[in-house]
Amino acid sequence: MNRRGFTLIEVLVSLAIFALAAISLGAAYSNVILSRISMKQDEQRLDDLARCRAALLETPGFDDVEAGGEIRLPGGRTARWQGKIEATAVSDLFAVQLTAEIEGADGAEAEEFTETRMLLRPTWSIPSDRQKIRDEARQRLEQERGYKEADGNSAFISAPTRGKKLVPANPGGKGSAARAPASTAPGGKNNGGKGGAPSGKGAPPARAPTPAPAPRPAQ
């Protein structure tokens, strides 16, 4: 019985296919590892930046925000943050530019992040500046709306519509209909009340009683 083996060309083709498959699997595996490392670094970076934001929000003083501070991060790392405060056109609202320098892990170079956040801080405002901003905002609203706010606690009063007359609300004033009192019969009963005969124009005249027939003579 003759046995036939693989030829040299078949062996080379199979080795080439195996090498291509190994290269493809190795590239896919390396991409997965790199993506996981990148996601871990992004999560760590976001966590570090969140700690810097929390430090900014927890600092109440104006001068303390301008001076900044240091934060201890996981892994024995540190972060240096500082805020630059600028006033806005809205009273008690400030634009704070946060700058954070975060130390890298395993001796890597430090990374710097910069972002701007809007903070409402009434304690940072100067009373004169706050009043000036509010006066400018009031003047701008009056120009846009076309009318001025009423002084005191009085409400807004609009002009009456042309061509229409305003009727006074008091019953005794001009233009209100006076109601005539109902007449009373001599017997003390109201003729206009329930059960009485209607009075006034258009009431039917009263009928005379019909006389009873005379008795017939007996036969």
N, C-alpha and C. Protein backbone atom coordinates (compact mmCIF):
# COMPACT_ATOMS: atom_id res chain seq x y z
N MET A 1 0.84 -1.19 0.00
CA MET A 1 0.00 0.00 0.00
C MET A 1 0.88 1.24 0.00
N ASN A 2 0.66 2.12 -0.95
CA ASN A 2 1.44 3.35 -1.07
C ASN A 2 0.82 4.46 -0.20
N ARG A 3 1.64 5.17 0.58
CA ARG A 3 1.21 6.30 1.41
C ARG A 3 1.77 7.59 0.81
N ARG A 4 0.85 8.54 0.68
CA ARG A 4 1.24 9.84 0.08
C ARG A 4 1.26 10.90 1.17
N GLY A 5 2.36 11.67 1.38
CA GLY A 5 2.49 12.73 2.38
C GLY A 5 2.23 14.09 1.78
N PHE A 6 2.37 15.14 2.64
CA PHE A 6 2.16 16.52 2.20
C PHE A 6 3.35 16.98 1.37
N THR A 7 3.03 17.73 0.41
CA THR A 7 4.11 18.29 -0.41
C THR A 7 4.68 19.53 0.26
N LEU A 8 5.79 19.99 -0.24
CA LEU A 8 6.45 21.15 0.34
C LEU A 8 5.59 22.41 0.18
N ILE A 9 4.88 22.52 -0.91
CA ILE A 9 4.03 23.71 -1.13
C ILE A 9 2.88 23.74 -0.13
N GLU A 10 2.28 22.58 0.13
CA GLU A 10 1.18 22.54 1.10
C GLU A 10 1.65 22.91 2.50
N VAL A 11 2.85 22.43 2.87
CA VAL A 11 3.37 22.78 4.20
C VAL A 11 3.65 24.27 4.30
N LEU A 12 4.19 24.86 3.28
CA LEU A 12 4.47 26.29 3.29
C LEU A 12 3.19 27.12 3.36
N VAL A 13 2.17 26.69 2.63
CA VAL A 13 0.88 27.42 2.66
C VAL A 13 0.26 27.35 4.05
N SER A 14 0.30 26.18 4.67
CA SER A 14 -0.27 26.04 6.01
C SER A 14 0.50 26.88 7.04
N LEU A 15 1.82 26.92 6.91
CA LEU A 15 2.60 27.75 7.82
C LEU A 15 2.30 29.24 7.62
N ALA A 16 2.09 29.64 6.39
CA ALA A 16 1.75 31.05 6.13
C ALA A 16 0.39 31.40 6.73
N ILE A 17 -0.58 30.50 6.61
CA ILE A 17 -1.90 30.74 7.20
C ILE A 17 -1.82 30.81 8.72
N PHE A 18 -1.05 29.91 9.32
CA PHE A 18 -0.89 29.91 10.76
C PHE A 18 -0.20 31.20 11.24
N ALA A 19 0.78 31.68 10.49
CA ALA A 19 1.48 32.91 10.87
C ALA A 19 0.55 34.11 10.79
N LEU A 20 -0.27 34.18 9.73
CA LEU A 20 -1.23 35.29 9.62
C LEU A 20 -2.24 35.27 10.76
N ALA A 21 -2.73 34.08 11.12
CA ALA A 21 -3.68 33.98 12.23
C ALA A 21 -3.05 34.40 13.56
N ALA A 22 -1.80 33.98 13.76
CA ALA A 22 -1.11 34.35 15.01
C ALA A 22 -0.89 35.86 15.09
N ILE A 23 -0.51 36.46 13.96
CA ILE A 23 -0.30 37.90 13.95
C ILE A 23 -1.61 38.65 14.22
N SER A 24 -2.71 38.17 13.62
CA SER A 24 -4.00 38.83 13.84
C SER A 24 -4.45 38.72 15.28
N LEU A 25 -4.32 37.52 15.87
CA LEU A 25 -4.71 37.34 17.27
C LEU A 25 -3.83 38.16 18.21
N GLY A 26 -2.53 38.20 17.91
CA GLY A 26 -1.63 38.99 18.75
C GLY A 26 -1.96 40.48 18.69
N ALA A 27 -2.29 40.99 17.50
CA ALA A 27 -2.64 42.41 17.37
C ALA A 27 -3.95 42.72 18.10
N ALA A 28 -4.93 41.81 17.98
CA ALA A 28 -6.19 42.04 18.69
C ALA A 28 -5.99 42.03 20.21
N TYR A 29 -5.17 41.10 20.68
CA TYR A 29 -4.91 41.02 22.12
C TYR A 29 -4.18 42.26 22.62
N SER A 30 -3.20 42.73 21.85
CA SER A 30 -2.47 43.95 22.25
C SER A 30 -3.38 45.17 22.24
N ASN A 31 -4.30 45.23 21.28
CA ASN A 31 -5.24 46.35 21.25
C ASN A 31 -6.16 46.35 22.48
N VAL A 32 -6.59 45.16 22.89
CA VAL A 32 -7.43 45.06 24.09
C VAL A 32 -6.67 45.50 25.32
N ILE A 33 -5.40 45.05 25.45
CA ILE A 33 -4.60 45.44 26.61
C ILE A 33 -4.36 46.95 26.64
N LEU A 34 -4.04 47.53 25.46
CA LEU A 34 -3.79 48.97 25.41
C LEU A 34 -5.05 49.78 25.71
N SER A 35 -6.19 49.29 25.22
CA SER A 35 -7.44 50.01 25.51
C SER A 35 -7.79 49.97 26.99
N ARG A 36 -7.56 48.84 27.64
CA ARG A 36 -7.81 48.75 29.08
C ARG A 36 -6.88 49.66 29.86
N ILE A 37 -5.63 49.73 29.45
CA ILE A 37 -4.69 50.63 30.13
C ILE A 37 -5.10 52.09 29.93
N SER A 38 -5.53 52.41 28.69
CA SER A 38 -5.95 53.78 28.42
C SER A 38 -7.20 54.14 29.22
N MET A 39 -8.16 53.19 29.32
CA MET A 39 -9.36 53.45 30.10
C MET A 39 -9.02 53.64 31.58
N LYS A 40 -8.09 52.85 32.08
CA LYS A 40 -7.69 53.00 33.48
C LYS A 40 -7.04 54.35 33.71
N GLN A 41 -6.19 54.77 32.78
CA GLN A 41 -5.56 56.08 32.92
C GLN A 41 -6.59 57.20 32.84
N ASP A 42 -7.58 57.06 31.95
CA ASP A 42 -8.62 58.08 31.85
C ASP A 42 -9.45 58.16 33.13
N GLU A 43 -9.79 56.99 33.68
CA GLU A 43 -10.54 56.98 34.94
C GLU A 43 -9.74 57.64 36.06
N GLN A 44 -8.45 57.33 36.11
CA GLN A 44 -7.60 57.94 37.14
C GLN A 44 -7.49 59.45 36.93
N ARG A 45 -7.36 59.86 35.66
CA ARG A 45 -7.26 61.29 35.37
C ARG A 45 -8.55 62.02 35.74
N LEU A 46 -9.70 61.42 35.40
CA LEU A 46 -10.98 62.03 35.77
C LEU A 46 -11.17 62.08 37.28
N ASP A 47 -10.74 61.04 37.97
CA ASP A 47 -10.84 61.04 39.43
C ASP A 47 -9.96 62.13 40.04
N ASP A 48 -8.75 62.29 39.52
CA ASP A 48 -7.86 63.33 40.03
C ASP A 48 -8.44 64.72 39.77
N LEU A 49 -8.99 64.91 38.59
CA LEU A 49 -9.58 66.21 38.27
C LEU A 49 -10.82 66.48 39.12
N ALA A 50 -11.59 65.43 39.42
CA ALA A 50 -12.76 65.60 40.29
C ALA A 50 -12.35 66.01 41.70
N ARG A 51 -11.24 65.48 42.17
CA ARG A 51 -10.74 65.88 43.49
C ARG A 51 -10.31 67.35 43.49
N CYS A 52 -9.73 67.81 42.40
CA CYS A 52 -9.35 69.22 42.32
C CYS A 52 -10.59 70.12 42.27
N ARG A 53 -11.62 69.70 41.55
CA ARG A 53 -12.86 70.48 41.53
C ARG A 53 -13.49 70.53 42.93
N ALA A 54 -13.49 69.39 43.62
CA ALA A 54 -14.06 69.38 44.97
C ALA A 54 -13.29 70.31 45.90
N ALA A 55 -11.96 70.34 45.77
CA ALA A 55 -11.17 71.25 46.60
C ALA A 55 -11.52 72.71 46.31
N LEU A 56 -11.77 73.03 45.04
CA LEU A 56 -12.16 74.40 44.68
C LEU A 56 -13.52 74.75 45.26
N LEU A 57 -14.49 73.85 45.15
CA LEU A 57 -15.84 74.13 45.65
C LEU A 57 -15.88 74.21 47.17
N GLU A 58 -15.00 73.48 47.84
CA GLU A 58 -14.99 73.50 49.30
C GLU A 58 -14.23 74.68 49.88
N THR A 59 -13.59 75.47 49.05
CA THR A 59 -12.84 76.63 49.53
C THR A 59 -13.73 77.87 49.47
N PRO A 60 -14.14 78.44 50.62
CA PRO A 60 -15.09 79.56 50.59
C PRO A 60 -14.46 80.92 50.35
N GLY A 61 -13.21 81.12 50.77
CA GLY A 61 -12.61 82.44 50.72
C GLY A 61 -12.11 82.83 49.34
N PHE A 62 -12.23 84.13 49.03
CA PHE A 62 -11.75 84.65 47.75
C PHE A 62 -10.24 84.52 47.65
N ASP A 63 -9.54 84.96 48.68
CA ASP A 63 -8.07 84.90 48.67
C ASP A 63 -7.56 83.47 48.71
N ASP A 64 -8.29 82.58 49.38
CA ASP A 64 -7.86 81.18 49.45
C ASP A 64 -7.94 80.51 48.08
N VAL A 65 -8.96 80.87 47.29
CA VAL A 65 -9.06 80.31 45.93
C VAL A 65 -7.94 80.83 45.05
N GLU A 66 -7.63 82.12 45.18
CA GLU A 66 -6.54 82.69 44.39
C GLU A 66 -5.19 82.06 44.76
N ALA A 67 -5.02 81.72 46.05
CA ALA A 67 -3.75 81.12 46.49
C ALA A 67 -3.66 79.66 46.08
N GLY A 68 -4.78 78.93 46.06
CA GLY A 68 -4.76 77.52 45.69
C GLY A 68 -4.31 76.64 46.84
N GLY A 69 -3.90 75.40 46.50
CA GLY A 69 -3.47 74.45 47.52
C GLY A 69 -3.02 73.15 46.90
N GLU A 70 -2.68 72.19 47.76
CA GLU A 70 -2.22 70.87 47.35
C GLU A 70 -3.20 69.80 47.82
N ILE A 71 -3.28 68.71 47.04
CA ILE A 71 -4.18 67.60 47.34
C ILE A 71 -3.37 66.31 47.31
N ARG A 72 -3.63 65.44 48.28
CA ARG A 72 -3.01 64.12 48.29
C ARG A 72 -3.87 63.18 47.45
N LEU A 73 -3.22 62.53 46.48
CA LEU A 73 -3.91 61.63 45.57
C LEU A 73 -3.53 60.19 45.87
N PRO A 74 -4.33 59.22 45.43
CA PRO A 74 -3.96 57.81 45.64
C PRO A 74 -2.64 57.48 44.96
N GLY A 75 -1.91 56.54 45.54
CA GLY A 75 -0.62 56.14 45.00
C GLY A 75 0.52 57.04 45.45
N GLY A 76 0.33 57.82 46.51
CA GLY A 76 1.39 58.72 46.97
C GLY A 76 1.64 59.90 46.08
N ARG A 77 0.70 60.27 45.23
CA ARG A 77 0.89 61.39 44.32
C ARG A 77 0.27 62.65 44.92
N THR A 78 0.61 63.79 44.37
CA THR A 78 0.09 65.08 44.80
C THR A 78 -0.38 65.88 43.59
N ALA A 79 -1.27 66.81 43.87
CA ALA A 79 -1.78 67.70 42.82
C ALA A 79 -1.80 69.12 43.36
N ARG A 80 -1.40 70.04 42.54
CA ARG A 80 -1.39 71.45 42.89
C ARG A 80 -2.44 72.17 42.07
N TRP A 81 -3.38 72.87 42.74
CA TRP A 81 -4.45 73.55 42.04
C TRP A 81 -4.47 75.03 42.42
N GLN A 82 -5.03 75.85 41.54
CA GLN A 82 -5.14 77.29 41.76
C GLN A 82 -6.28 77.83 40.93
N GLY A 83 -6.97 78.83 41.45
CA GLY A 83 -8.12 79.42 40.76
C GLY A 83 -7.90 80.89 40.44
N LYS A 84 -8.35 81.29 39.27
CA LYS A 84 -8.29 82.69 38.86
C LYS A 84 -9.73 83.17 38.70
N ILE A 85 -10.12 84.17 39.50
CA ILE A 85 -11.51 84.60 39.58
C ILE A 85 -11.70 85.85 38.74
N GLU A 86 -12.81 85.85 37.96
CA GLU A 86 -13.18 87.01 37.16
C GLU A 86 -14.67 87.27 37.34
N ALA A 87 -15.05 88.53 37.45
CA ALA A 87 -16.45 88.90 37.61
C ALA A 87 -17.18 88.79 36.28
N THR A 88 -18.50 88.58 36.35
CA THR A 88 -19.35 88.47 35.17
C THR A 88 -20.38 89.60 35.18
N ALA A 89 -21.23 89.62 34.16
CA ALA A 89 -22.28 90.64 34.07
C ALA A 89 -23.45 90.35 34.98
N VAL A 90 -23.46 89.22 35.66
CA VAL A 90 -24.52 88.86 36.60
C VAL A 90 -23.99 89.04 38.02
N SER A 91 -24.79 89.65 38.87
CA SER A 91 -24.34 89.90 40.23
C SER A 91 -24.17 88.59 40.99
N ASP A 92 -23.10 88.51 41.77
CA ASP A 92 -22.77 87.36 42.62
C ASP A 92 -22.37 86.13 41.82
N LEU A 93 -22.19 86.24 40.52
CA LEU A 93 -21.77 85.11 39.69
C LEU A 93 -20.37 85.40 39.16
N PHE A 94 -19.46 84.42 39.36
CA PHE A 94 -18.05 84.60 39.00
C PHE A 94 -17.60 83.43 38.12
N ALA A 95 -16.70 83.75 37.20
CA ALA A 95 -16.06 82.75 36.34
C ALA A 95 -14.69 82.42 36.93
N VAL A 96 -14.53 81.17 37.34
CA VAL A 96 -13.30 80.74 38.00
C VAL A 96 -12.55 79.81 37.05
N GLN A 97 -11.34 80.18 36.69
CA GLN A 97 -10.48 79.35 35.84
C GLN A 97 -9.63 78.47 36.75
N LEU A 98 -9.91 77.18 36.72
CA LEU A 98 -9.20 76.22 37.56
C LEU A 98 -8.02 75.65 36.80
N THR A 99 -6.85 75.74 37.39
CA THR A 99 -5.62 75.17 36.83
C THR A 99 -5.07 74.15 37.81
N ALA A 100 -4.90 72.92 37.35
CA ALA A 100 -4.42 71.83 38.22
C ALA A 100 -3.21 71.17 37.58
N GLU A 101 -2.19 70.98 38.35
CA GLU A 101 -0.98 70.27 37.93
C GLU A 101 -0.92 68.96 38.72
N ILE A 102 -1.15 67.85 38.03
CA ILE A 102 -1.29 66.54 38.68
C ILE A 102 -0.04 65.72 38.40
N GLU A 103 0.51 65.17 39.45
CA GLU A 103 1.72 64.35 39.32
C GLU A 103 1.36 63.00 38.71
N GLY A 104 2.18 62.53 37.77
CA GLY A 104 1.93 61.26 37.11
C GLY A 104 2.35 60.08 37.96
N ALA A 105 1.80 58.91 37.62
CA ALA A 105 2.12 57.68 38.36
C ALA A 105 3.42 57.08 37.84
N ASP A 106 4.14 56.41 38.75
CA ASP A 106 5.37 55.70 38.41
C ASP A 106 6.42 56.65 37.82
N GLY A 107 6.53 57.83 38.38
CA GLY A 107 7.55 58.77 37.93
C GLY A 107 7.28 59.43 36.61
N ALA A 108 6.05 59.37 36.12
CA ALA A 108 5.73 60.01 34.85
C ALA A 108 5.67 61.53 35.03
N GLU A 109 5.72 62.22 33.90
CA GLU A 109 5.69 63.68 33.96
C GLU A 109 4.32 64.16 34.44
N ALA A 110 4.34 65.31 35.10
CA ALA A 110 3.09 65.90 35.61
C ALA A 110 2.25 66.44 34.45
N GLU A 111 0.93 66.29 34.59
CA GLU A 111 -0.01 66.77 33.58
C GLU A 111 -0.74 68.00 34.13
N GLU A 112 -1.02 68.92 33.25
CA GLU A 112 -1.69 70.17 33.64
C GLU A 112 -3.05 70.25 32.96
N PHE A 113 -4.07 70.58 33.75
CA PHE A 113 -5.44 70.70 33.24
C PHE A 113 -5.94 72.10 33.56
N THR A 114 -6.73 72.64 32.64
CA THR A 114 -7.31 73.97 32.82
C THR A 114 -8.76 73.93 32.35
N GLU A 115 -9.65 74.43 33.19
CA GLU A 115 -11.05 74.52 32.83
C GLU A 115 -11.67 75.71 33.57
N THR A 116 -12.81 76.17 33.06
CA THR A 116 -13.51 77.32 33.63
C THR A 116 -14.87 76.88 34.15
N ARG A 117 -15.17 77.28 35.37
CA ARG A 117 -16.44 76.92 36.00
C ARG A 117 -17.10 78.19 36.51
N MET A 118 -18.46 78.20 36.46
CA MET A 118 -19.23 79.34 36.95
C MET A 118 -19.69 79.04 38.37
N LEU A 119 -19.35 79.95 39.29
CA LEU A 119 -19.68 79.77 40.70
C LEU A 119 -20.50 80.96 41.19
N LEU A 120 -21.54 80.66 41.98
CA LEU A 120 -22.36 81.69 42.60
C LEU A 120 -21.85 81.90 44.02
N ARG A 121 -21.23 83.03 44.25
CA ARG A 121 -20.62 83.33 45.54
C ARG A 121 -21.00 84.76 45.97
N PRO A 122 -22.10 84.93 46.72
CA PRO A 122 -22.48 86.28 47.17
C PRO A 122 -21.45 86.90 48.10
N THR A 123 -20.69 86.08 48.84
CA THR A 123 -19.71 86.64 49.78
C THR A 123 -18.51 87.24 49.06
N TRP A 124 -18.31 86.93 47.81
CA TRP A 124 -17.19 87.49 47.06
C TRP A 124 -17.50 88.86 46.48
N SER A 125 -18.76 89.25 46.44
CA SER A 125 -19.16 90.49 45.78
C SER A 125 -18.93 91.68 46.69
N ILE A 126 -18.59 92.80 46.08
CA ILE A 126 -18.50 94.08 46.78
C ILE A 126 -19.86 94.76 46.65
N PRO A 127 -20.43 95.29 47.74
CA PRO A 127 -21.79 95.86 47.66
C PRO A 127 -21.94 96.93 46.58
N SER A 128 -20.95 97.79 46.41
CA SER A 128 -21.06 98.83 45.39
C SER A 128 -21.08 98.23 43.98
N ASP A 129 -20.23 97.25 43.75
CA ASP A 129 -20.22 96.59 42.43
C ASP A 129 -21.51 95.83 42.18
N ARG A 130 -22.05 95.17 43.21
CA ARG A 130 -23.30 94.44 43.05
C ARG A 130 -24.44 95.38 42.68
N GLN A 131 -24.52 96.53 43.36
CA GLN A 131 -25.58 97.50 43.05
C GLN A 131 -25.42 98.07 41.66
N LYS A 132 -24.19 98.30 41.23
CA LYS A 132 -23.95 98.81 39.88
C LYS A 132 -24.39 97.81 38.83
N ILE A 133 -24.09 96.54 39.03
CA ILE A 133 -24.49 95.51 38.07
C ILE A 133 -26.01 95.40 38.01
N ARG A 134 -26.67 95.48 39.16
CA ARG A 134 -28.14 95.38 39.18
C ARG A 134 -28.79 96.59 38.52
N ASP A 135 -28.22 97.78 38.73
CA ASP A 135 -28.77 98.97 38.08
C ASP A 135 -28.62 98.87 36.56
N GLU A 136 -27.47 98.41 36.10
CA GLU A 136 -27.29 98.25 34.65
C GLU A 136 -28.24 97.20 34.08
N ALA A 137 -28.45 96.11 34.81
CA ALA A 137 -29.39 95.09 34.34
C ALA A 137 -30.82 95.63 34.31
N ARG A 138 -31.21 96.44 35.31
CA ARG A 138 -32.54 97.03 35.32
C ARG A 138 -32.74 97.99 34.14
N GLN A 139 -31.74 98.81 33.87
CA GLN A 139 -31.84 99.71 32.73
C GLN A 139 -31.92 98.96 31.41
N ARG A 140 -31.17 97.87 31.29
CA ARG A 140 -31.22 97.07 30.06
C ARG A 140 -32.59 96.43 29.87
N LEU A 141 -33.19 95.94 30.96
CA LEU A 141 -34.52 95.35 30.86
C LEU A 141 -35.57 96.40 30.51
N GLU A 142 -35.46 97.59 31.07
CA GLU A 142 -36.41 98.65 30.75
C GLU A 142 -36.33 99.04 29.28
N GLN A 143 -35.12 99.06 28.71
CA GLN A 143 -34.99 99.37 27.29
C GLN A 143 -35.54 98.26 26.42
N GLU A 144 -35.36 97.01 26.82
CA GLU A 144 -35.87 95.90 26.02
C GLU A 144 -37.39 95.79 26.11
N ARG A 145 -37.95 96.00 27.31
CA ARG A 145 -39.40 95.85 27.49
C ARG A 145 -40.18 97.07 27.03
N GLY A 146 -39.60 98.26 27.17
CA GLY A 146 -40.28 99.45 26.75
C GLY A 146 -41.08 100.12 27.84
N TYR A 147 -41.02 99.68 29.07
CA TYR A 147 -41.72 100.34 30.17
C TYR A 147 -40.85 100.24 31.41
N LYS A 148 -41.20 101.04 32.41
CA LYS A 148 -40.43 101.12 33.64
C LYS A 148 -41.22 100.48 34.77
N GLU A 149 -40.53 99.88 35.69
CA GLU A 149 -41.19 99.25 36.82
C GLU A 149 -41.82 100.31 37.71
N ALA A 150 -42.97 99.96 38.33
CA ALA A 150 -43.65 100.88 39.22
C ALA A 150 -42.89 101.01 40.52
N ASP A 151 -42.96 102.19 41.12
CA ASP A 151 -42.27 102.42 42.39
C ASP A 151 -43.08 101.83 43.53
N GLY A 152 -42.39 101.43 44.57
CA GLY A 152 -43.07 100.88 45.74
C GLY A 152 -43.64 99.51 45.46
N ASN A 153 -44.75 99.22 46.11
CA ASN A 153 -45.41 97.92 45.97
C ASN A 153 -46.59 97.97 45.01
N SER A 154 -46.77 99.07 44.28
CA SER A 154 -47.90 99.18 43.36
C SER A 154 -47.68 98.29 42.15
N ALA A 155 -48.78 97.80 41.61
CA ALA A 155 -48.70 96.90 40.46
C ALA A 155 -48.60 97.70 39.17
N PHE A 156 -48.32 96.99 38.06
CA PHE A 156 -48.25 97.64 36.76
C PHE A 156 -49.66 98.04 36.33
N ILE A 157 -49.80 99.26 35.78
CA ILE A 157 -51.09 99.77 35.32
C ILE A 157 -50.97 100.02 33.83
N SER A 158 -51.83 99.38 33.06
CA SER A 158 -51.80 99.56 31.61
C SER A 158 -52.88 100.56 31.20
N ALA A 159 -52.67 101.25 30.08
CA ALA A 159 -53.62 102.24 29.59
C ALA A 159 -54.86 101.55 29.06
N PRO A 160 -56.06 102.18 29.19
CA PRO A 160 -57.28 101.53 28.67
C PRO A 160 -57.27 101.46 27.15
N THR A 161 -57.99 100.50 26.64
CA THR A 161 -58.06 100.30 25.20
C THR A 161 -58.85 101.44 24.56
N ARG A 162 -58.36 101.91 23.42
CA ARG A 162 -59.06 103.00 22.74
C ARG A 162 -60.39 102.53 22.18
N GLY A 163 -61.39 103.43 22.27
CA GLY A 163 -62.70 103.10 21.72
C GLY A 163 -63.61 102.40 22.70
N LYS A 164 -63.16 102.09 23.91
CA LYS A 164 -63.98 101.43 24.90
C LYS A 164 -64.09 102.31 26.13
N LYS A 165 -65.29 102.34 26.71
CA LYS A 165 -65.54 103.12 27.89
C LYS A 165 -65.53 102.22 29.11
N LEU A 166 -64.96 102.72 30.18
CA LEU A 166 -64.91 101.98 31.42
C LEU A 166 -66.16 102.28 32.23
N VAL A 167 -66.92 101.26 32.63
CA VAL A 167 -68.15 101.40 33.41
C VAL A 167 -67.79 101.34 34.87
N PRO A 168 -68.21 102.34 35.68
CA PRO A 168 -67.90 102.26 37.12
C PRO A 168 -68.57 101.08 37.77
N ALA A 169 -67.91 100.59 38.79
CA ALA A 169 -68.41 99.38 39.44
C ALA A 169 -69.43 99.68 40.52
N ASN A 170 -69.52 100.94 41.05
CA ASN A 170 -70.46 101.22 42.14
C ASN A 170 -71.88 101.27 41.62
N PRO A 171 -72.84 100.68 42.32
CA PRO A 171 -74.22 100.63 41.80
C PRO A 171 -74.88 101.99 41.73
N GLY A 172 -74.46 102.95 42.52
CA GLY A 172 -75.11 104.26 42.49
C GLY A 172 -74.51 105.21 41.51
N GLY A 173 -73.47 104.79 40.78
CA GLY A 173 -72.79 105.68 39.86
C GLY A 173 -73.54 105.85 38.56
N LYS A 174 -72.92 106.67 37.68
CA LYS A 174 -73.53 106.93 36.39
C LYS A 174 -73.41 105.74 35.49
N GLY A 175 -74.52 105.42 34.79
CA GLY A 175 -74.51 104.32 33.84
C GLY A 175 -75.00 103.01 34.42
N SER A 176 -75.24 102.96 35.72
CA SER A 176 -75.73 101.72 36.31
C SER A 176 -77.25 101.77 36.34
N ALA A 177 -77.91 100.68 36.14
CA ALA A 177 -79.37 100.58 36.10
C ALA A 177 -79.90 100.52 37.51
N ALA A 178 -80.85 101.41 37.84
CA ALA A 178 -81.48 101.42 39.17
C ALA A 178 -82.65 100.47 39.18
N ARG A 179 -82.75 99.70 40.20
CA ARG A 179 -83.84 98.72 40.31
C ARG A 179 -84.98 99.34 41.10
N ALA A 180 -86.19 99.36 40.49
CA ALA A 180 -87.36 99.95 41.14
C ALA A 180 -87.87 99.02 42.21
N PRO A 181 -88.27 99.57 43.36
CA PRO A 181 -88.81 98.70 44.42
C PRO A 181 -90.16 98.15 44.03
N ALA A 182 -90.48 96.99 44.47
CA ALA A 182 -91.77 96.35 44.18
C ALA A 182 -92.86 97.02 45.00
N SER A 183 -94.03 97.21 44.37
CA SER A 183 -95.16 97.84 45.05
C SER A 183 -95.82 96.84 45.98
N THR A 184 -96.42 97.40 47.00
CA THR A 184 -97.07 96.57 48.00
C THR A 184 -98.56 96.84 47.98
N ALA A 185 -99.36 95.83 48.00
CA ALA A 185 -100.82 95.96 48.00
C ALA A 185 -101.30 96.51 49.32
N PRO A 186 -102.52 97.09 49.36
CA PRO A 186 -103.04 97.62 50.63
C PRO A 186 -103.14 96.56 51.70
N GLY A 187 -103.32 95.32 51.29
CA GLY A 187 -103.45 94.27 52.29
C GLY A 187 -102.15 93.87 52.91
N GLY A 188 -101.04 94.42 52.46
CA GLY A 188 -99.76 94.09 53.07
C GLY A 188 -98.98 93.07 52.29
N LYS A 189 -99.52 92.51 51.19
CA LYS A 189 -98.84 91.51 50.38
C LYS A 189 -98.20 92.17 49.18
N ASN A 190 -97.08 91.66 48.80
CA ASN A 190 -96.37 92.18 47.64
C ASN A 190 -97.02 91.66 46.39
N ASN A 191 -97.42 92.61 45.49
CA ASN A 191 -98.07 92.18 44.25
C ASN A 191 -97.09 91.48 43.33
N GLY A 192 -95.80 91.84 43.44
CA GLY A 192 -94.80 91.22 42.56
C GLY A 192 -94.29 89.92 43.11
N GLY A 193 -94.68 89.53 44.31
CA GLY A 193 -94.18 88.31 44.91
C GLY A 193 -94.90 87.09 44.39
N LYS A 194 -94.52 85.96 44.97
CA LYS A 194 -95.09 84.69 44.54
C LYS A 194 -96.52 84.60 45.02
N GLY A 195 -97.44 84.25 44.15
CA GLY A 195 -98.83 84.08 44.49
C GLY A 195 -99.66 85.31 44.25
N GLY A 196 -99.10 86.49 44.10
CA GLY A 196 -99.83 87.72 43.85
C GLY A 196 -100.03 87.96 42.38
N ALA A 197 -100.94 88.86 42.06
CA ALA A 197 -101.22 89.19 40.67
C ALA A 197 -100.12 90.06 40.13
N PRO A 198 -99.68 89.86 38.90
CA PRO A 198 -98.63 90.71 38.33
C PRO A 198 -99.14 92.12 38.14
N SER A 199 -98.24 93.08 38.39
CA SER A 199 -98.58 94.49 38.26
C SER A 199 -97.71 95.12 37.21
N GLY A 200 -98.16 96.32 36.72
CA GLY A 200 -97.38 97.03 35.73
C GLY A 200 -98.00 96.93 34.36
N LYS A 201 -97.26 97.41 33.41
CA LYS A 201 -97.75 97.45 32.04
C LYS A 201 -97.87 96.05 31.47
N GLY A 202 -99.03 95.79 30.78
CA GLY A 202 -99.23 94.50 30.15
C GLY A 202 -99.95 93.50 31.03
N ALA A 203 -100.34 93.87 32.27
CA ALA A 203 -101.07 92.94 33.14
C ALA A 203 -102.54 92.89 32.73
N PRO A 204 -103.21 91.73 32.65
CA PRO A 204 -104.63 91.63 32.24
C PRO A 204 -105.55 92.22 33.32
N PRO A 205 -106.69 92.88 32.90
CA PRO A 205 -107.62 93.46 33.89
C PRO A 205 -108.33 92.38 34.69
N ALA A 206 -108.74 92.74 35.87
CA ALA A 206 -109.43 91.78 36.75
C ALA A 206 -110.86 91.57 36.28
N ARG A 207 -111.37 90.34 36.27
CA ARG A 207 -112.74 90.01 35.85
C ARG A 207 -113.71 90.14 37.03
N ALA A 208 -114.98 90.60 36.68
CA ALA A 208 -116.03 90.68 37.70
C ALA A 208 -116.58 89.29 37.96
N PRO A 209 -116.99 88.99 39.18
CA PRO A 209 -117.53 87.65 39.47
C PRO A 209 -118.85 87.41 38.75
N THR A 210 -119.10 86.23 38.21
CA THR A 210 -120.33 85.87 37.48
C THR A 210 -121.47 85.66 38.48
N PRO A 211 -122.67 86.33 38.25
CA PRO A 211 -123.78 86.16 39.22
C PRO A 211 -124.35 84.76 39.15
N ALA A 212 -124.80 84.26 40.30
CA ALA A 212 -125.41 82.92 40.36
C ALA A 212 -126.80 82.94 39.72
N PRO A 213 -127.22 81.90 39.01
CA PRO A 213 -128.56 81.88 38.36
C PRO A 213 -129.68 81.90 39.40
N ALA A 214 -130.86 82.58 39.04
CA ALA A 214 -132.00 82.67 39.98
C ALA A 214 -132.69 81.32 40.08
N PRO A 215 -133.23 80.99 41.24
CA PRO A 215 -133.91 79.67 41.39
C PRO A 215 -135.20 79.63 40.58
N ARG A 216 -135.51 78.51 39.99
CA ARG A 216 -136.69 78.31 39.18
C ARG A 216 -137.89 78.08 40.09
N PRO A 217 -139.14 78.71 39.76
CA PRO A 217 -140.34 78.47 40.62
C PRO A 217 -140.82 77.04 40.52
N ALA A 218 -141.36 76.60 41.63
CA ALA A 218 -141.87 75.21 41.66
C ALA A 218 -143.19 75.14 40.93
N GLN A 219 -143.50 74.09 40.18
CA GLN A 219 -144.73 73.89 39.43
C GLN A 219 -145.73 73.07 40.25
